[in-house]
Amino acid sequence: MAKILIIDDIASDAQMLALTAKKDGHECLTAQDGKAGEQMAAAQLPDLILLDIVMPGQDGFATCRRLKKNAATAHIPIILVSSKNTEADRFWGMKQGAADYVDKPFQPSVLLAVIRRHLAA
């Protein structure tokens, strides 16, 4: 099906996201920080990105903004998946160019519905 890039510094969270996406037959790539994720996105051109916000170094907001400013990756839908779930966090994430926002801990059915919606768009 689709190629999904997961950018999350917590290996267990990245693994849960990948297991959920693979249930729908998606291929998953992972990166452990924003910089590595940015490089992998430019090299692999995934169909969708699942991006954590709280990461050391370059956080998810900055990574999202940089991916959306890069002509090679600007078209890729980015779904923020984070425990930072206040209205201000959601607003700021969408302002950076995110297509959607899913709270951690996530419900697999909710995450899959969001992934399907953005891959179908």
PDB file of N, CA and C in Angstrom:
ATOM      1  N   MET A   1       0.844  -1.181   0.000  1.00  0.00           N
ATOM      2  CA  MET A   1       0.000   0.000   0.000  1.00  0.00           C
ATOM      3  C   MET A   1       0.889   1.244   0.000  1.00  0.00           C
ATOM      4  N   ALA A   2       0.887   1.996   1.094  1.00  0.00           N
ATOM      5  CA  ALA A   2       1.625   3.263   1.133  1.00  0.00           C
ATOM      6  C   ALA A   2       2.922   3.121   1.928  1.00  0.00           C
ATOM      7  N   LYS A   3       3.820   4.055   1.669  1.00  0.00           N
ATOM      8  CA  LYS A   3       5.074   4.144   2.428  1.00  0.00           C
ATOM      9  C   LYS A   3       4.891   5.252   3.461  1.00  0.00           C
ATOM     10  N   ILE A   4       5.036   4.899   4.742  1.00  0.00           N
ATOM     11  CA  ILE A   4       4.836   5.844   5.838  1.00  0.00           C
ATOM     12  C   ILE A   4       6.142   6.013   6.606  1.00  0.00           C
ATOM     13  N   LEU A   5       6.538   7.259   6.807  1.00  0.00           N
ATOM     14  CA  LEU A   5       7.715   7.576   7.614  1.00  0.00           C
ATOM     15  C   LEU A   5       7.255   7.952   9.017  1.00  0.00           C
ATOM     16  N   ILE A   6       7.819   7.281  10.008  1.00  0.00           N
ATOM     17  CA  ILE A   6       7.520   7.556  11.411  1.00  0.00           C
ATOM     18  C   ILE A   6       8.741   8.234  12.019  1.00  0.00           C
ATOM     19  N   ILE A   7       8.538   9.438  12.553  1.00  0.00           N
ATOM     20  CA  ILE A   7       9.626  10.179  13.191  1.00  0.00           C
ATOM     21  C   ILE A   7       9.276  10.319  14.669  1.00  0.00           C
ATOM     22  N   ASP A   8       9.971   9.551  15.510  1.00  0.00           N
ATOM     23  CA  ASP A   8       9.693   9.537  16.947  1.00  0.00           C
ATOM     24  C   ASP A   8      10.950   9.082  17.673  1.00  0.00           C
ATOM     25  N   ASP A   9      11.333   9.801  18.712  1.00  0.00           N
ATOM     26  CA  ASP A   9      12.554   9.465  19.450  1.00  0.00           C
ATOM     27  C   ASP A   9      12.369   8.321  20.437  1.00  0.00           C
ATOM     28  N   ILE A  10      11.146   7.946  20.726  1.00  0.00           N
ATOM     29  CA  ILE A  10      10.888   6.846  21.660  1.00  0.00           C
ATOM     30  C   ILE A  10      10.619   5.585  20.841  1.00  0.00           C
ATOM     31  N   ALA A  11      11.548   4.639  20.919  1.00  0.00           N
ATOM     32  CA  ALA A  11      11.485   3.438  20.078  1.00  0.00           C
ATOM     33  C   ALA A  11      10.180   2.663  20.256  1.00  0.00           C
ATOM     34  N   SER A  12       9.693   2.541  21.487  1.00  0.00           N
ATOM     35  CA  SER A  12       8.456   1.782  21.715  1.00  0.00           C
ATOM     36  C   SER A  12       7.251   2.476  21.078  1.00  0.00           C
ATOM     37  N   ASP A  13       7.233   3.807  21.093  1.00  0.00           N
ATOM     38  CA  ASP A  13       6.143   4.543  20.440  1.00  0.00           C
ATOM     39  C   ASP A  13       6.213   4.359  18.929  1.00  0.00           C
ATOM     40  N   ALA A  14       7.415   4.456  18.369  1.00  0.00           N
ATOM     41  CA  ALA A  14       7.589   4.265  16.927  1.00  0.00           C
ATOM     42  C   ALA A  14       7.163   2.860  16.523  1.00  0.00           C
ATOM     43  N   GLN A  15       7.495   1.882  17.359  1.00  0.00           N
ATOM     44  CA  GLN A  15       7.125   0.499  17.074  1.00  0.00           C
ATOM     45  C   GLN A  15       5.607   0.318  17.086  1.00  0.00           C
ATOM     46  N   MET A  16       4.925   0.928  18.053  1.00  0.00           N
ATOM     47  CA  MET A  16       3.457   0.824  18.113  1.00  0.00           C
ATOM     48  C   MET A  16       2.804   1.492  16.905  1.00  0.00           C
ATOM     49  N   LEU A  17       3.335   2.643  16.497  1.00  0.00           N
ATOM     50  CA  LEU A  17       2.812   3.318  15.311  1.00  0.00           C
ATOM     51  C   LEU A  17       3.008   2.439  14.082  1.00  0.00           C
ATOM     52  N   ALA A  18       4.187   1.837  13.957  1.00  0.00           N
ATOM     53  CA  ALA A  18       4.481   0.978  12.804  1.00  0.00           C
ATOM     54  C   ALA A  18       3.593  -0.263  12.798  1.00  0.00           C
ATOM     55  N   LEU A  19       3.430  -0.901  13.944  1.00  0.00           N
ATOM     56  CA  LEU A  19       2.571  -2.089  14.014  1.00  0.00           C
ATOM     57  C   LEU A  19       1.145  -1.758  13.597  1.00  0.00           C
ATOM     58  N   THR A  20       0.667  -0.605  14.026  1.00  0.00           N
ATOM     59  CA  THR A  20      -0.690  -0.187  13.664  1.00  0.00           C
ATOM     60  C   THR A  20      -0.797   0.059  12.167  1.00  0.00           C
ATOM     61  N   ALA A  21       0.149   0.795  11.597  1.00  0.00           N
ATOM     62  CA  ALA A  21       0.115   1.095  10.160  1.00  0.00           C
ATOM     63  C   ALA A  21       0.271  -0.169   9.323  1.00  0.00           C
ATOM     64  N   LYS A  22       1.087  -1.098   9.790  1.00  0.00           N
ATOM     65  CA  LYS A  22       1.308  -2.343   9.040  1.00  0.00           C
ATOM     66  C   LYS A  22       0.056  -3.209   8.994  1.00  0.00           C
ATOM     67  N   LYS A  23      -0.867  -3.012   9.951  1.00  0.00           N
ATOM     68  CA  LYS A  23      -2.135  -3.753   9.929  1.00  0.00           C
ATOM     69  C   LYS A  23      -2.923  -3.448   8.659  1.00  0.00           C
ATOM     70  N   ASP A  24      -2.702  -2.272   8.098  1.00  0.00           N
ATOM     71  CA  ASP A  24      -3.352  -1.889   6.839  1.00  0.00           C
ATOM     72  C   ASP A  24      -2.450  -2.177   5.638  1.00  0.00           C
ATOM     73  N   GLY A  25      -1.331  -2.863   5.871  1.00  0.00           N
ATOM     74  CA  GLY A  25      -0.442  -3.243   4.789  1.00  0.00           C
ATOM     75  C   GLY A  25       0.568  -2.193   4.372  1.00  0.00           C
ATOM     76  N   HIS A  26       0.743  -1.164   5.179  1.00  0.00           N
ATOM     77  CA  HIS A  26       1.678  -0.099   4.819  1.00  0.00           C
ATOM     78  C   HIS A  26       3.122  -0.483   5.144  1.00  0.00           C
ATOM     79  N   GLU A  27       4.040   0.021   4.337  1.00  0.00           N
ATOM     80  CA  GLU A  27       5.472  -0.121   4.594  1.00  0.00           C
ATOM     81  C   GLU A  27       5.871   1.033   5.503  1.00  0.00           C
ATOM     82  N   CYS A  28       6.652   0.750   6.545  1.00  0.00           N
ATOM     83  CA  CYS A  28       7.036   1.799   7.491  1.00  0.00           C
ATOM     84  C   CYS A  28       8.546   1.980   7.556  1.00  0.00           C
ATOM     85  N   LEU A  29       8.949   3.232   7.536  1.00  0.00           N
ATOM     86  CA  LEU A  29      10.333   3.641   7.738  1.00  0.00           C
ATOM     87  C   LEU A  29      10.357   4.413   9.045  1.00  0.00           C
ATOM     88  N   THR A  30      11.469   4.378   9.768  1.00  0.00           N
ATOM     89  CA  THR A  30      11.531   5.129  11.020  1.00  0.00           C
ATOM     90  C   THR A  30      12.795   5.978  11.104  1.00  0.00           C
ATOM     91  N   ALA A  31      12.647   7.094  11.797  1.00  0.00           N
ATOM     92  CA  ALA A  31      13.763   7.980  12.114  1.00  0.00           C
ATOM     93  C   ALA A  31      13.593   8.395  13.566  1.00  0.00           C
ATOM     94  N   GLN A  32      14.710   8.542  14.290  1.00  0.00           N
ATOM     95  CA  GLN A  32      14.635   8.806  15.727  1.00  0.00           C
ATOM     96  C   GLN A  32      14.720  10.269  16.111  1.00  0.00           C
ATOM     97  N   ASP A  33      14.897  11.159  15.149  1.00  0.00           N
ATOM     98  CA  ASP A  33      14.895  12.586  15.473  1.00  0.00           C
ATOM     99  C   ASP A  33      14.491  13.393  14.244  1.00  0.00           C
ATOM    100  N   GLY A  34      14.235  14.671  14.474  1.00  0.00           N
ATOM    101  CA  GLY A  34      13.743  15.530  13.408  1.00  0.00           C
ATOM    102  C   GLY A  34      14.685  15.667  12.230  1.00  0.00           C
ATOM    103  N   LYS A  35      15.965  15.852  12.501  1.00  0.00           N
ATOM    104  CA  LYS A  35      16.948  16.014  11.417  1.00  0.00           C
ATOM    105  C   LYS A  35      17.026  14.758  10.558  1.00  0.00           C
ATOM    106  N   ALA A  36      17.137  13.593  11.204  1.00  0.00           N
ATOM    107  CA  ALA A  36      17.204  12.329  10.464  1.00  0.00           C
ATOM    108  C   ALA A  36      15.912  12.101   9.683  1.00  0.00           C
ATOM    109  N   GLY A  37      14.784  12.457  10.285  1.00  0.00           N
ATOM    110  CA  GLY A  37      13.498  12.316   9.607  1.00  0.00           C
ATOM    111  C   GLY A  37      13.393  13.203   8.385  1.00  0.00           C
ATOM    112  N   GLU A  38      13.890  14.410   8.517  1.00  0.00           N
ATOM    113  CA  GLU A  38      13.890  15.351   7.399  1.00  0.00           C
ATOM    114  C   GLU A  38      14.714  14.795   6.233  1.00  0.00           C
ATOM    115  N   GLN A  39      15.888  14.267   6.540  1.00  0.00           N
ATOM    116  CA  GLN A  39      16.752  13.690   5.504  1.00  0.00           C
ATOM    117  C   GLN A  39      16.112  12.462   4.872  1.00  0.00           C
ATOM    118  N   MET A  40      15.508  11.601   5.696  1.00  0.00           N
ATOM    119  CA  MET A  40      14.877  10.397   5.173  1.00  0.00           C
ATOM    120  C   MET A  40      13.672  10.744   4.305  1.00  0.00           C
ATOM    121  N   ALA A  41      12.908  11.748   4.709  1.00  0.00           N
ATOM    122  CA  ALA A  41      11.750  12.166   3.918  1.00  0.00           C
ATOM    123  C   ALA A  41      12.185  12.645   2.537  1.00  0.00           C
ATOM    124  N   ALA A  42      13.250  13.424   2.476  1.00  0.00           N
ATOM    125  CA  ALA A  42      13.740  13.938   1.191  1.00  0.00           C
ATOM    126  C   ALA A  42      14.281  12.813   0.311  1.00  0.00           C
ATOM    127  N   ALA A  43      14.903  11.817   0.923  1.00  0.00           N
ATOM    128  CA  ALA A  43      15.492  10.714   0.158  1.00  0.00           C
ATOM    129  C   ALA A  43      14.462   9.669  -0.261  1.00  0.00           C
ATOM    130  N   GLN A  44      13.506   9.368   0.619  1.00  0.00           N
ATOM    131  CA  GLN A  44      12.551   8.278   0.381  1.00  0.00           C
ATOM    132  C   GLN A  44      11.200   8.730  -0.170  1.00  0.00           C
ATOM    133  N   LEU A  45      10.866  10.002   0.004  1.00  0.00           N
ATOM    134  CA  LEU A  45       9.578  10.567  -0.420  1.00  0.00           C
ATOM    135  C   LEU A  45       8.394   9.669  -0.039  1.00  0.00           C
ATOM    136  N   PRO A  46       8.153   9.537   1.270  1.00  0.00           N
ATOM    137  CA  PRO A  46       7.033   8.706   1.718  1.00  0.00           C
ATOM    138  C   PRO A  46       5.694   9.314   1.310  1.00  0.00           C
ATOM    139  N   ASP A  47       4.654   8.492   1.386  1.00  0.00           N
ATOM    140  CA  ASP A  47       3.305   8.955   1.057  1.00  0.00           C
ATOM    141  C   ASP A  47       2.678   9.735   2.208  1.00  0.00           C
ATOM    142  N   LEU A  48       3.187   9.517   3.429  1.00  0.00           N
ATOM    143  CA  LEU A  48       2.625  10.151   4.621  1.00  0.00           C
ATOM    144  C   LEU A  48       3.676  10.104   5.728  1.00  0.00           C
ATOM    145  N   ILE A  49       3.641  11.084   6.625  1.00  0.00           N
ATOM    146  CA  ILE A  49       4.576  11.131   7.751  1.00  0.00           C
ATOM    147  C   ILE A  49       3.794  11.194   9.059  1.00  0.00           C
ATOM    148  N   LEU A  50       4.168  10.329  10.016  1.00  0.00           N
ATOM    149  CA  LEU A  50       3.666  10.389  11.387  1.00  0.00           C
ATOM    150  C   LEU A  50       4.791  10.997  12.211  1.00  0.00           C
ATOM    151  N   LEU A  51       4.525  12.130  12.849  1.00  0.00           N
ATOM    152  CA  LEU A  51       5.581  12.921  13.473  1.00  0.00           C
ATOM    153  C   LEU A  51       5.274  13.248  14.930  1.00  0.00           C
ATOM    154  N   ASP A  52       6.183  12.861  15.815  1.00  0.00           N
ATOM    155  CA  ASP A  52       6.097  13.230  17.229  1.00  0.00           C
ATOM    156  C   ASP A  52       6.502  14.698  17.369  1.00  0.00           C
ATOM    157  N   ILE A  53       6.096  15.335  18.445  1.00  0.00           N
ATOM    158  CA  ILE A  53       6.463  16.735  18.669  1.00  0.00           C
ATOM    159  C   ILE A  53       7.656  16.851  19.611  1.00  0.00           C
ATOM    160  N   VAL A  54       7.583  16.186  20.760  1.00  0.00           N
ATOM    161  CA  VAL A  54       8.620  16.345  21.778  1.00  0.00           C
ATOM    162  C   VAL A  54       9.780  15.400  21.470  1.00  0.00           C
ATOM    163  N   MET A  55      10.852  15.975  20.921  1.00  0.00           N
ATOM    164  CA  MET A  55      12.061  15.215  20.596  1.00  0.00           C
ATOM    165  C   MET A  55      13.266  16.091  20.912  1.00  0.00           C
ATOM    166  N   PRO A  56      14.393  15.467  21.258  1.00  0.00           N
ATOM    167  CA  PRO A  56      15.596  16.264  21.509  1.00  0.00           C
ATOM    168  C   PRO A  56      16.090  16.919  20.226  1.00  0.00           C
ATOM    169  N   GLY A  57      16.772  18.032  20.376  1.00  0.00           N
ATOM    170  CA  GLY A  57      17.282  18.734  19.189  1.00  0.00           C
ATOM    171  C   GLY A  57      16.148  19.449  18.484  1.00  0.00           C
ATOM    172  N   GLN A  58      15.905  19.076  17.265  1.00  0.00           N
ATOM    173  CA  GLN A  58      14.853  19.695  16.450  1.00  0.00           C
ATOM    174  C   GLN A  58      13.508  19.053  16.784  1.00  0.00           C
ATOM    175  N   ASP A  59      12.589  19.814  17.358  1.00  0.00           N
ATOM    176  CA  ASP A  59      11.294  19.246  17.731  1.00  0.00           C
ATOM    177  C   ASP A  59      10.395  19.039  16.512  1.00  0.00           C
ATOM    178  N   GLY A  60       9.249  18.423  16.753  1.00  0.00           N
ATOM    179  CA  GLY A  60       8.333  18.110  15.665  1.00  0.00           C
ATOM    180  C   GLY A  60       7.757  19.330  14.971  1.00  0.00           C
ATOM    181  N   PHE A  61       7.519  20.404  15.715  1.00  0.00           N
ATOM    182  CA  PHE A  61       7.000  21.620  15.082  1.00  0.00           C
ATOM    183  C   PHE A  61       8.001  22.154  14.055  1.00  0.00           C
ATOM    184  N   ALA A  62       9.273  22.240  14.448  1.00  0.00           N
ATOM    185  CA  ALA A  62      10.312  22.732  13.534  1.00  0.00           C
ATOM    186  C   ALA A  62      10.489  21.781  12.357  1.00  0.00           C
ATOM    187  N   THR A  63      10.433  20.486  12.623  1.00  0.00           N
ATOM    188  CA  THR A  63      10.575  19.499  11.550  1.00  0.00           C
ATOM    189  C   THR A  63       9.436  19.633  10.551  1.00  0.00           C
ATOM    190  N   CYS A  64       8.222  19.774  11.045  1.00  0.00           N
ATOM    191  CA  CYS A  64       7.057  19.948  10.176  1.00  0.00           C
ATOM    192  C   CYS A  64       7.220  21.189   9.309  1.00  0.00           C
ATOM    193  N   ARG A  65       7.579  22.276   9.928  1.00  0.00           N
ATOM    194  CA  ARG A  65       7.756  23.541   9.210  1.00  0.00           C
ATOM    195  C   ARG A  65       8.811  23.397   8.111  1.00  0.00           C
ATOM    196  N   ARG A  66       9.933  22.760   8.430  1.00  0.00           N
ATOM    197  CA  ARG A  66      11.018  22.598   7.456  1.00  0.00           C
ATOM    198  C   ARG A  66      10.602  21.670   6.308  1.00  0.00           C
ATOM    199  N   LEU A  67       9.880  20.608   6.621  1.00  0.00           N
ATOM    200  CA  LEU A  67       9.414  19.696   5.570  1.00  0.00           C
ATOM    201  C   LEU A  67       8.439  20.399   4.628  1.00  0.00           C
ATOM    202  N   LYS A  68       7.599  21.257   5.174  1.00  0.00           N
ATOM    203  CA  LYS A  68       6.619  21.967   4.349  1.00  0.00           C
ATOM    204  C   LYS A  68       7.261  23.072   3.512  1.00  0.00           C
ATOM    205  N   LYS A  69       8.420  23.573   3.932  1.00  0.00           N
ATOM    206  CA  LYS A  69       9.121  24.599   3.150  1.00  0.00           C
ATOM    207  C   LYS A  69       9.995  23.996   2.056  1.00  0.00           C
ATOM    208  N   ASN A  70      10.271  22.702   2.139  1.00  0.00           N
ATOM    209  CA  ASN A  70      11.101  22.014   1.149  1.00  0.00           C
ATOM    210  C   ASN A  70      10.212  21.584  -0.021  1.00  0.00           C
ATOM    211  N   ALA A  71      10.521  22.047  -1.218  1.00  0.00           N
ATOM    212  CA  ALA A  71       9.698  21.738  -2.391  1.00  0.00           C
ATOM    213  C   ALA A  71       9.562  20.233  -2.621  1.00  0.00           C
ATOM    214  N   ALA A  72      10.586  19.463  -2.279  1.00  0.00           N
ATOM    215  CA  ALA A  72      10.550  18.014  -2.507  1.00  0.00           C
ATOM    216  C   ALA A  72       9.599  17.288  -1.555  1.00  0.00           C
ATOM    217  N   THR A  73       9.356  17.860  -0.370  1.00  0.00           N
ATOM    218  CA  THR A  73       8.538  17.174   0.636  1.00  0.00           C
ATOM    219  C   THR A  73       7.260  17.928   1.010  1.00  0.00           C
ATOM    220  N   ALA A  74       7.052  19.088   0.451  1.00  0.00           N
ATOM    221  CA  ALA A  74       5.910  19.932   0.836  1.00  0.00           C
ATOM    222  C   ALA A  74       4.560  19.260   0.605  1.00  0.00           C
ATOM    223  N   HIS A  75       4.488  18.373  -0.374  1.00  0.00           N
ATOM    224  CA  HIS A  75       3.214  17.727  -0.723  1.00  0.00           C
ATOM    225  C   HIS A  75       2.838  16.572   0.215  1.00  0.00           C
ATOM    226  N   ILE A  76       3.760  16.127   1.044  1.00  0.00           N
ATOM    227  CA  ILE A  76       3.527  14.947   1.890  1.00  0.00           C
ATOM    228  C   ILE A  76       2.675  15.330   3.103  1.00  0.00           C
ATOM    229  N   PRO A  77       1.529  14.659   3.305  1.00  0.00           N
ATOM    230  CA  PRO A  77       0.729  14.964   4.492  1.00  0.00           C
ATOM    231  C   PRO A  77       1.463  14.532   5.764  1.00  0.00           C
ATOM    232  N   ILE A  78       1.442  15.414   6.752  1.00  0.00           N
ATOM    233  CA  ILE A  78       2.092  15.151   8.037  1.00  0.00           C
ATOM    234  C   ILE A  78       1.021  15.089   9.120  1.00  0.00           C
ATOM    235  N   ILE A  79       1.015  13.979   9.845  1.00  0.00           N
ATOM    236  CA  ILE A  79       0.103  13.817  10.972  1.00  0.00           C
ATOM    237  C   ILE A  79       0.943  13.880  12.241  1.00  0.00           C
ATOM    238  N   LEU A  80       0.668  14.867  13.073  1.00  0.00           N
ATOM    239  CA  LEU A  80       1.357  14.967  14.356  1.00  0.00           C
ATOM    240  C   LEU A  80       0.722  13.967  15.317  1.00  0.00           C
ATOM    241  N   VAL A  81       1.562  13.184  15.994  1.00  0.00           N
ATOM    242  CA  VAL A  81       1.093  12.198  16.967  1.00  0.00           C
ATOM    243  C   VAL A  81       1.855  12.493  18.254  1.00  0.00           C
ATOM    244  N   SER A  82       1.146  13.049  19.246  1.00  0.00           N
ATOM    245  CA  SER A  82       1.869  13.539  20.419  1.00  0.00           C
ATOM    246  C   SER A  82       1.027  13.531  21.685  1.00  0.00           C
ATOM    247  N   SER A  83       1.730  13.489  22.814  1.00  0.00           N
ATOM    248  CA  SER A  83       1.067  13.634  24.113  1.00  0.00           C
ATOM    249  C   SER A  83       0.816  15.108  24.430  1.00  0.00           C
ATOM    250  N   LYS A  84       1.412  16.012  23.659  1.00  0.00           N
ATOM    251  CA  LYS A  84       1.121  17.453  23.800  1.00  0.00           C
ATOM    252  C   LYS A  84      -0.217  17.686  23.101  1.00  0.00           C
ATOM    253  N   ASN A  85      -1.278  17.729  23.887  1.00  0.00           N
ATOM    254  CA  ASN A  85      -2.596  17.729  23.264  1.00  0.00           C
ATOM    255  C   ASN A  85      -3.513  18.858  23.724  1.00  0.00           C
ATOM    256  N   THR A  86      -2.934  20.015  24.023  1.00  0.00           N
ATOM    257  CA  THR A  86      -3.777  21.163  24.338  1.00  0.00           C
ATOM    258  C   THR A  86      -4.253  21.801  23.032  1.00  0.00           C
ATOM    259  N   GLU A  87      -5.247  22.644  23.130  1.00  0.00           N
ATOM    260  CA  GLU A  87      -5.731  23.354  21.933  1.00  0.00           C
ATOM    261  C   GLU A  87      -4.625  24.205  21.325  1.00  0.00           C
ATOM    262  N   ALA A  88      -3.781  24.803  22.182  1.00  0.00           N
ATOM    263  CA  ALA A  88      -2.668  25.619  21.682  1.00  0.00           C
ATOM    264  C   ALA A  88      -1.681  24.765  20.887  1.00  0.00           C
ATOM    265  N   ASP A  89      -1.404  23.544  21.369  1.00  0.00           N
ATOM    266  CA  ASP A  89      -0.507  22.635  20.644  1.00  0.00           C
ATOM    267  C   ASP A  89      -1.097  22.267  19.284  1.00  0.00           C
ATOM    268  N   ARG A  90      -2.380  21.951  19.275  1.00  0.00           N
ATOM    269  CA  ARG A  90      -3.049  21.597  18.014  1.00  0.00           C
ATOM    270  C   ARG A  90      -3.010  22.775  17.036  1.00  0.00           C
ATOM    271  N   PHE A  91      -3.348  23.943  17.531  1.00  0.00           N
ATOM    272  CA  PHE A  91      -3.348  25.140  16.689  1.00  0.00           C
ATOM    273  C   PHE A  91      -1.960  25.379  16.108  1.00  0.00           C
ATOM    274  N   TRP A  92      -0.940  25.328  16.960  1.00  0.00           N
ATOM    275  CA  TRP A  92       0.427  25.587  16.512  1.00  0.00           C
ATOM    276  C   TRP A  92       0.882  24.525  15.508  1.00  0.00           C
ATOM    277  N   GLY A  93       0.526  23.279  15.754  1.00  0.00           N
ATOM    278  CA  GLY A  93       0.883  22.206  14.824  1.00  0.00           C
ATOM    279  C   GLY A  93       0.273  22.406  13.451  1.00  0.00           C
ATOM    280  N   MET A  94      -0.985  22.775  13.411  1.00  0.00           N
ATOM    281  CA  MET A  94      -1.656  23.005  12.129  1.00  0.00           C
ATOM    282  C   MET A  94      -1.059  24.230  11.438  1.00  0.00           C
ATOM    283  N   LYS A  95      -0.681  25.219  12.213  1.00  0.00           N
ATOM    284  CA  LYS A  95      -0.068  26.423  11.649  1.00  0.00           C
ATOM    285  C   LYS A  95       1.292  26.105  11.015  1.00  0.00           C
ATOM    286  N   GLN A  96       1.970  25.072  11.508  1.00  0.00           N
ATOM    287  CA  GLN A  96       3.263  24.676  10.942  1.00  0.00           C
ATOM    288  C   GLN A  96       3.106  23.876   9.650  1.00  0.00           C
ATOM    289  N   GLY A  97       1.868  23.478   9.346  1.00  0.00           N
ATOM    290  CA  GLY A  97       1.623  22.752   8.101  1.00  0.00           C
ATOM    291  C   GLY A  97       1.126  21.335   8.269  1.00  0.00           C
ATOM    292  N   ALA A  98       0.891  20.901   9.511  1.00  0.00           N
ATOM    293  CA  ALA A  98       0.384  19.546   9.725  1.00  0.00           C
ATOM    294  C   ALA A  98      -1.007  19.399   9.117  1.00  0.00           C
ATOM    295  N   ALA A  99      -1.280  18.212   8.608  1.00  0.00           N
ATOM    296  CA  ALA A  99      -2.589  17.923   8.025  1.00  0.00           C
ATOM    297  C   ALA A  99      -3.580  17.464   9.087  1.00  0.00           C
ATOM    298  N   ASP A 100      -3.060  16.897  10.185  1.00  0.00           N
ATOM    299  CA  ASP A 100      -3.937  16.369  11.228  1.00  0.00           C
ATOM    300  C   ASP A 100      -3.140  16.179  12.512  1.00  0.00           C
ATOM    301  N   TYR A 101      -3.850  15.813  13.580  1.00  0.00           N
ATOM    302  CA  TYR A 101      -3.253  15.695  14.908  1.00  0.00           C
ATOM    303  C   TYR A 101      -3.918  14.523  15.621  1.00  0.00           C
ATOM    304  N   VAL A 102      -3.130  13.593  16.119  1.00  0.00           N
ATOM    305  CA  VAL A 102      -3.650  12.447  16.870  1.00  0.00           C
ATOM    306  C   VAL A 102      -2.967  12.441  18.236  1.00  0.00           C
ATOM    307  N   ASP A 103      -3.765  12.295  19.286  1.00  0.00           N
ATOM    308  CA  ASP A 103      -3.233  12.285  20.649  1.00  0.00           C
ATOM    309  C   ASP A 103      -2.584  10.949  20.993  1.00  0.00           C
ATOM    310  N   LYS A 104      -1.504  11.020  21.793  1.00  0.00           N
ATOM    311  CA  LYS A 104      -0.925   9.831  22.425  1.00  0.00           C
ATOM    312  C   LYS A 104      -1.448   9.800  23.847  1.00  0.00           C
ATOM    313  N   PRO A 105      -1.781   8.665  24.395  1.00  0.00           N
ATOM    314  CA  PRO A 105      -1.807   7.382  23.707  1.00  0.00           C
ATOM    315  C   PRO A 105      -2.941   7.366  22.693  1.00  0.00           C
ATOM    316  N   PHE A 106      -2.695   6.709  21.569  1.00  0.00           N
ATOM    317  CA  PHE A 106      -3.677   6.727  20.488  1.00  0.00           C
ATOM    318  C   PHE A 106      -4.495   5.440  20.457  1.00  0.00           C
ATOM    319  N   GLN A 107      -5.681   5.572  19.908  1.00  0.00           N
ATOM    320  CA  GLN A 107      -6.524   4.415  19.625  1.00  0.00           C
ATOM    321  C   GLN A 107      -6.144   3.935  18.228  1.00  0.00           C
ATOM    322  N   PRO A 108      -5.758   2.676  18.041  1.00  0.00           N
ATOM    323  CA  PRO A 108      -5.374   2.207  16.709  1.00  0.00           C
ATOM    324  C   PRO A 108      -6.430   2.491  15.639  1.00  0.00           C
ATOM    325  N   SER A 109      -7.703   2.320  15.984  1.00  0.00           N
ATOM    326  CA  SER A 109      -8.759   2.557  14.993  1.00  0.00           C
ATOM    327  C   SER A 109      -8.814   4.023  14.573  1.00  0.00           C
ATOM    328  N   VAL A 110      -8.564   4.924  15.507  1.00  0.00           N
ATOM    329  CA  VAL A 110      -8.563   6.359  15.194  1.00  0.00           C
ATOM    330  C   VAL A 110      -7.371   6.692  14.305  1.00  0.00           C
ATOM    331  N   LEU A 111      -6.191   6.197  14.668  1.00  0.00           N
ATOM    332  CA  LEU A 111      -5.002   6.461  13.861  1.00  0.00           C
ATOM    333  C   LEU A 111      -5.178   5.924  12.443  1.00  0.00           C
ATOM    334  N   LEU A 112      -5.677   4.703  12.307  1.00  0.00           N
ATOM    335  CA  LEU A 112      -5.870   4.129  10.971  1.00  0.00           C
ATOM    336  C   LEU A 112      -6.883   4.927  10.161  1.00  0.00           C
ATOM    337  N   ALA A 113      -7.936   5.407  10.801  1.00  0.00           N
ATOM    338  CA  ALA A 113      -8.928   6.221  10.086  1.00  0.00           C
ATOM    339  C   ALA A 113      -8.301   7.515   9.576  1.00  0.00           C
ATOM    340  N   VAL A 114      -7.462   8.144  10.383  1.00  0.00           N
ATOM    341  CA  VAL A 114      -6.793   9.384   9.977  1.00  0.00           C
ATOM    342  C   VAL A 114      -5.817   9.101   8.836  1.00  0.00           C
ATOM    343  N   ILE A 115      -5.041   8.024   8.954  1.00  0.00           N
ATOM    344  CA  ILE A 115      -4.110   7.651   7.882  1.00  0.00           C
ATOM    345  C   ILE A 115      -4.874   7.418   6.584  1.00  0.00           C
ATOM    346  N   ARG A 116      -5.938   6.630   6.645  1.00  0.00           N
ATOM    347  CA  ARG A 116      -6.728   6.328   5.432  1.00  0.00           C
ATOM    348  C   ARG A 116      -7.283   7.601   4.805  1.00  0.00           C
ATOM    349  N   ARG A 117      -7.790   8.498   5.634  1.00  0.00           N
ATOM    350  CA  ARG A 117      -8.375   9.738   5.119  1.00  0.00           C
ATOM    351  C   ARG A 117      -7.341  10.556   4.350  1.00  0.00           C
ATOM    352  N   HIS A 118      -6.142  10.666   4.884  1.00  0.00           N
ATOM    353  CA  HIS A 118      -5.130  11.503   4.232  1.00  0.00           C
ATOM    354  C   HIS A 118      -4.473  10.817   3.043  1.00  0.00           C
ATOM    355  N   LEU A 119      -4.422   9.502   3.045  1.00  0.00           N
ATOM    356  CA  LEU A 119      -3.892   8.803   1.874  1.00  0.00           C
ATOM    357  C   LEU A 119      -4.892   8.839   0.722  1.00  0.00           C
ATOM    358  N   ALA A 120      -6.172   8.916   1.053  1.00  0.00           N
ATOM    359  CA  ALA A 120      -7.212   8.956   0.018  1.00  0.00           C
ATOM    360  C   ALA A 120      -7.385  10.347  -0.577  1.00  0.00           C
ATOM    361  N   ALA A 121      -6.899  11.363   0.110  1.00  0.00           N
ATOM    362  CA  ALA A 121      -7.100  12.750  -0.343  1.00  0.00           C
ATOM    363  C   ALA A 121      -6.303  13.064  -1.594  1.00  0.00           C
TER     364      ALA A 121
END
